[in-house]
Amino acid sequence: MNIKKKRASPPSDSGEDAAVSPTSPGADPMAATTPAAGDPSLDEEAHLSNGVSKANWKDKFGTRPDCFTSTFQEMAFIFQATNATAASSFFQGATAIITVSIGKDLGMTQGEISWITASTALTAGAFQLGLGQLADLVGRRATFIVGMVSFSALSLLASFAKTPYWMDVVCGFIGVSTAMVVPPAIGIMGAAYGEPSRRKNIAFSAFGAGNPLGFVFGSILSGVATRIFNWRAAFVLIAIIWAILAVLAWWTIPNVEAYPLSQPLKGRLSVFVKTFDWVGTVLTIFGTGLLTAGITYVAATGIWLGREG
């Protein structure tokens, strides 16, 4: 009796280790959903954030501005810009807690003591607009570095004060130095981060945090230096810190200017002299100064509404 043998099926190309079909009995149901090693979907998932592809996420976060050669330089500049806006509040915080020691050592009256911080705030506010225009015409980077160097030098000069007028006048010039660094920092950041992005928001958030942080750290460092040595050591410490920052600014501040690089300095200074509001600046300085002096005189002498207390 002839019995037909069943024809054997050809062997699978993958051999005996061939994967079992997910639909076949005994197959692992997770095998169908688990990607194999080397699957391109793994790389894609690594670059996804809330369903946004890496390219879209990078567009929303923002690319590094061309004026920065590296991310490290960008971060260093943001740190410098934060210190620029913190300079005035740092100095005020540093001097606010040592005014009693300064007053006793120099024999200052109450009115003269109040001018230690008032003169800095007065000149910083009065000169900021004018120095901002000067920075746009002369050079933001150069103005920023000069402001940092002068802030350090004047702080060191304040540590050698021998008379009340010496201290008050030097503190007034320190306010001018703080007014030199804020406008260039804002101008460079505004030009560098032209497009709205998360990168721009982070940069300007750090810049805005400089004012309160400056007052806090200024108070702490000044108090520690005065506690260990004396009030003069607080000004020396400020001078050292800003001298280091001025040296670092030479490498970290990008050359982003508001004028064409081909325009000569003489022509830019001519534009500044012709367009600067000299009358408004003088009235602002003397008006605010006389108002502050009047309030200080009334508070010091006890005269109020024609009566002497």
Foldseek 3Di string as FASTA:
>chain_A
DDDDDDDDDDADPVHPPDADDCPDPPHDVCVVVDDDPPPVVVVQVVQDDPNDGVVRQDVQQDDFFPLDPDVVLVVLLLVLLLQLLLQLLLQLLLLVVALVVVCVQQVDAPLLSVLLSVLLVLLLVLCLVLLLLVCQLQHLLVLQLVLLLLLLVLLLQLLPDNHSVSSNVSSNVNSNSSSSNNSSSVVQLCVRCVDDHSNSVVSVVSSVVSHVVSSVVSNVQSVVQCVVPRNSSSSNVSSVVSVVSSVVSVPSPGRDHNDDPPDDSVVSVVVSVVPPPPVVSVCSSVVVVVVSSVVSVCVRQVADPNDGD
